[in-house]
Amino acid sequence: MSLVKLSIKGISYSQTQNGAYALILNEVDGERKLPIVIGAFEAQSIAIALEKEIKPPRPLTHDLFKNFAERFDIVVKQVIIHKLVDGVFYSSLICERDKIEEIIDARTSDAIALALRFSAPIFTYKNILDKAGIYLKSNTAETDAGSQEIDDVLSNPETFGHEEETNQSGDVYAKHSLQELNELLDQAVSQEDYEKAAKIRDEISRR
C-alpha cells in the first residue's frame, strides 16, 4: 500500500460539541482534507507547537516526552496513520535509537503533537484517504472565514478545556438515510464545518 504525505492545515473549534476540535490534515500532493476529531488537551498541545511564539512556562506532556526521548537519543522519524476502524484513526510512531528502528502504537492526536515537536513527516495510506478524505469546495468567502476561525483557535490556546478525545459518530445521524447523510456531508464541507463532516463521514463508513 502506498503512503500519502499529509500536512497540517489547522484546528477548527466545534460549534456544536462543547470541548471538541477538528484537526484538519491536507494531502500534500492533492486536494483532499482529512478531518480528525480530537480532544481539547491534544488540540491545545498541537496549537502551541504550531504557534512557535507561544512558550508554556512548564513543559506540556508532549514536551516532556520529547525531552525524555532526546535525553536517551531517541528520535521520532515519522508518523503513520495506518488504520481506520469505526471512525477511530490508529497511528504509529516510527522511532530510532542507535540506528535501530522501533514502532510504537499511539493515538493519532498524540502522534501528531509529537511529530510537530520532532519535525517528523506525517503519512497515511492511500486507502484510508480514499475512504475518509473529503474535497473542499472552492468558495473564497467561506475559506477566509474558515481560516480566520482556525487562526482564532491557534492564537488563543488558553481557551481550551480538558475533555477527553472522541472520534465516534453521534446518534443524531442514525435516523438519516444514506442519501440524506451524503447531502449533509456536502453541506458541512461547503460550510467548512469539519467536525460535523467528520461525524457524518464516520456514520456513512459505519453503515
Protein backbone atom coordinates (compact mmCIF):
# COMPACT_ATOMS: atom_id res chain seq x y z
CA MET A 1 0.00 0.00 0.00
CA SER A 2 1.33 3.40 -0.97
CA LEU A 3 1.86 6.14 1.61
CA VAL A 4 0.44 9.64 1.18
CA LYS A 5 2.17 12.56 2.85
CA LEU A 6 0.00 14.92 4.90
CA SER A 7 0.45 18.43 6.24
CA ILE A 8 -1.47 20.24 8.96
CA LYS A 9 -3.97 22.85 7.77
CA GLY A 10 -5.07 23.85 11.26
CA ILE A 11 -7.55 23.25 14.05
CA SER A 12 -11.19 24.24 13.97
CA TYR A 13 -13.30 24.66 17.12
CA SER A 14 -16.55 22.72 17.20
CA GLN A 15 -19.60 24.96 17.19
CA THR A 16 -21.89 22.04 18.04
CA GLN A 17 -19.99 19.95 20.60
CA ASN A 18 -18.50 21.59 23.67
CA GLY A 19 -14.81 20.87 24.09
CA ALA A 20 -14.34 19.13 20.72
CA TYR A 21 -11.98 20.22 17.96
CA ALA A 22 -11.35 19.10 14.40
CA LEU A 23 -7.75 18.66 13.32
CA ILE A 24 -7.55 19.22 9.56
CA LEU A 25 -4.82 17.43 7.61
CA ASN A 26 -4.03 18.27 3.98
CA GLU A 27 -2.98 15.85 1.28
CA VAL A 28 0.39 17.34 0.22
CA ASP A 29 0.18 16.31 -3.43
CA GLY A 30 -3.59 16.57 -3.76
CA GLU A 31 -6.68 18.47 -2.72
CA ARG A 32 -8.25 16.17 -0.14
CA LYS A 33 -8.61 17.01 3.55
CA LEU A 34 -8.62 14.51 6.39
CA PRO A 35 -10.58 15.83 9.40
CA ILE A 36 -9.98 14.11 12.73
CA VAL A 37 -11.99 14.94 15.85
CA ILE A 38 -9.68 15.37 18.84
CA GLY A 39 -9.93 16.38 22.48
CA ALA A 40 -9.17 19.80 23.90
CA PHE A 41 -5.89 18.93 25.62
CA GLU A 42 -4.39 17.46 22.45
CA ALA A 43 -5.71 20.40 20.41
CA GLN A 44 -4.00 22.79 22.81
CA SER A 45 -0.73 20.90 22.56
CA ILE A 46 -0.85 20.84 18.75
CA ALA A 47 -1.79 24.53 18.60
CA ILE A 48 1.10 25.53 20.83
CA ALA A 49 3.53 23.52 18.68
CA LEU A 50 2.18 25.25 15.56
CA GLU A 51 2.36 28.70 17.12
CA LYS A 52 6.12 28.99 17.60
CA GLU A 53 5.89 32.21 19.63
CA ILE A 54 3.93 30.56 22.46
CA LYS A 55 6.19 29.06 25.10
CA PRO A 56 4.50 27.33 28.08
CA PRO A 57 6.14 28.19 31.42
CA ARG A 58 6.40 24.45 32.17
CA PRO A 59 6.68 21.50 29.74
CA LEU A 60 3.42 20.04 28.50
CA THR A 61 3.12 16.24 28.37
CA HIS A 62 4.31 16.07 24.75
CA ASP A 63 7.21 18.44 25.51
CA LEU A 64 8.19 16.17 28.40
CA PHE A 65 8.12 13.14 26.10
CA LYS A 66 10.40 14.94 23.63
CA ASN A 67 12.82 15.99 26.37
CA PHE A 68 12.88 12.44 27.72
CA ALA A 69 13.43 10.95 24.25
CA GLU A 70 16.24 13.36 23.41
CA ARG A 71 18.00 12.62 26.70
CA PHE A 72 18.21 8.97 25.62
CA ASP A 73 18.96 9.72 21.95
CA ILE A 74 15.55 8.58 20.69
CA VAL A 75 14.23 10.31 17.59
CA VAL A 76 10.72 10.16 16.11
CA LYS A 77 11.40 9.71 12.39
CA GLN A 78 7.83 9.72 11.10
CA VAL A 79 4.18 9.18 11.98
CA ILE A 80 1.90 6.86 10.03
CA ILE A 81 -1.90 6.89 10.34
CA HIS A 82 -2.27 3.23 9.46
CA LYS A 83 -5.84 2.19 10.27
CA LEU A 84 -9.41 3.50 10.45
CA VAL A 85 -11.97 1.42 12.35
CA ASP A 86 -15.47 2.65 13.29
CA GLY A 87 -14.42 6.26 12.84
CA VAL A 88 -11.30 5.92 15.01
CA PHE A 89 -7.88 6.56 13.47
CA TYR A 90 -4.92 4.46 14.64
CA SER A 91 -1.34 5.69 14.30
CA SER A 92 2.22 4.56 14.82
CA LEU A 93 5.38 6.42 15.81
CA ILE A 94 8.42 5.27 13.86
CA CYS A 95 11.28 5.84 16.29
CA GLU A 96 15.03 5.31 16.01
CA ARG A 97 17.87 4.90 18.51
CA ASP A 98 21.40 3.78 17.67
CA LYS A 99 20.21 3.04 14.11
CA ILE A 100 17.62 0.58 15.47
CA GLU A 101 14.04 1.30 14.43
CA GLU A 102 11.06 0.70 16.69
CA ILE A 103 7.33 1.10 16.00
CA ILE A 104 5.18 2.41 18.85
CA ASP A 105 1.37 2.48 18.84
CA ALA A 106 -0.16 5.90 19.58
CA ARG A 107 -3.38 7.85 19.41
CA THR A 108 -3.38 9.97 16.28
CA SER A 109 -3.69 13.24 18.19
CA ASP A 110 -0.69 12.36 20.38
CA ALA A 111 1.30 11.15 17.39
CA ILE A 112 0.76 14.40 15.51
CA ALA A 113 1.59 16.51 18.57
CA LEU A 114 4.90 14.64 18.77
CA ALA A 115 5.51 14.80 15.01
CA LEU A 116 5.39 18.58 15.23
CA ARG A 117 7.92 18.65 18.05
CA PHE A 118 10.33 16.33 16.24
CA SER A 119 9.70 17.92 12.81
CA ALA A 120 8.71 14.45 11.63
CA PRO A 121 6.63 13.90 8.47
CA ILE A 122 3.07 12.59 8.73
CA PHE A 123 1.76 9.91 6.39
CA THR A 124 -1.35 7.82 5.85
CA TYR A 125 -2.19 5.03 3.45
CA LYS A 126 -3.96 5.79 0.20
CA ASN A 127 -6.91 3.51 1.04
CA ILE A 128 -7.55 5.44 4.28
CA LEU A 129 -7.53 8.77 2.44
CA ASP A 130 -9.81 7.28 -0.24
CA LYS A 131 -12.25 6.22 2.49
CA ALA A 132 -12.13 9.20 4.85
CA GLY A 133 -10.77 12.12 2.81
CA ILE A 134 -13.06 14.92 1.71
CA TYR A 135 -12.78 17.55 -1.01
CA LEU A 136 -13.19 21.17 -0.01
CA LYS A 137 -15.38 23.07 -2.46
CA SER A 138 -13.90 26.37 -3.61
CA ASN A 139 -15.53 29.39 -2.02
CA THR A 140 -13.31 32.35 -1.23
CA ALA A 141 -15.57 33.91 1.40
CA GLU A 142 -16.10 30.61 3.22
CA THR A 143 -12.40 29.76 3.01
CA ASP A 144 -11.43 33.11 4.50
CA ALA A 145 -13.96 32.63 7.30
CA GLY A 146 -12.68 29.14 7.99
CA SER A 147 -9.08 30.34 8.03
CA GLN A 148 -10.00 33.11 10.46
CA GLU A 149 -11.70 30.59 12.74
CA ILE A 150 -8.59 28.41 12.72
CA ASP A 151 -6.37 31.44 13.36
CA ASP A 152 -8.55 32.34 16.35
CA VAL A 153 -8.10 28.87 17.83
CA LEU A 154 -4.34 28.86 17.29
CA SER A 155 -3.85 32.30 18.77
CA ASN A 156 -5.96 31.65 21.89
CA PRO A 157 -4.78 28.32 23.36
CA GLU A 158 -5.82 29.34 26.86
CA THR A 159 -9.48 28.86 25.88
CA PHE A 160 -9.05 25.10 25.53
CA GLY A 161 -10.66 22.79 28.10
CA HIS A 162 -9.75 19.30 29.25
CA GLU A 163 -12.40 16.97 27.80
CA GLU A 164 -11.46 13.53 26.53
CA GLU A 165 -10.88 12.77 22.87
CA THR A 166 -13.83 11.44 20.88
CA ASN A 167 -13.99 10.12 17.32
CA GLN A 168 -17.40 8.46 17.42
CA SER A 169 -20.37 9.50 15.29
CA GLY A 170 -23.28 10.93 17.23
CA ASP A 171 -26.60 9.15 17.45
CA VAL A 172 -28.19 12.24 15.93
CA TYR A 173 -27.28 10.99 12.43
CA ALA A 174 -28.54 7.42 12.90
CA LYS A 175 -32.07 8.32 11.75
CA HIS A 176 -30.93 9.73 8.38
CA SER A 177 -30.80 7.76 5.15
CA LEU A 178 -27.51 7.39 3.24
CA GLN A 179 -28.70 9.90 0.65
CA GLU A 180 -29.51 12.42 3.38
CA LEU A 181 -26.17 11.80 5.05
CA ASN A 182 -24.31 12.45 1.80
CA GLU A 183 -26.25 15.67 1.31
CA LEU A 184 -25.47 16.72 4.90
CA LEU A 185 -21.81 15.86 4.32
CA ASP A 186 -21.65 18.07 1.22
CA GLN A 187 -23.31 20.89 3.16
CA ALA A 188 -20.93 20.56 6.11
CA VAL A 189 -17.90 20.57 3.82
CA SER A 190 -19.13 23.63 1.91
CA GLN A 191 -19.52 25.44 5.24
CA GLU A 192 -16.07 24.23 6.40
CA ASP A 193 -17.68 22.62 9.45
CA TYR A 194 -15.06 19.86 9.52
CA GLU A 195 -16.04 18.46 12.90
CA LYS A 196 -19.59 17.89 11.70
CA ALA A 197 -18.34 16.50 8.39
CA ALA A 198 -16.12 14.02 10.24
CA LYS A 199 -19.06 12.75 12.31
CA ILE A 200 -21.26 12.34 9.23
CA ARG A 201 -18.45 10.63 7.34
CA ASP A 202 -17.98 8.20 10.26
CA GLU A 203 -21.71 7.35 10.25
CA ILE A 204 -21.58 6.70 6.49
CA SER A 205 -18.49 4.49 6.95
CA ARG A 206 -20.16 2.58 9.80
CA ARG A 207 -23.02 1.59 7.51
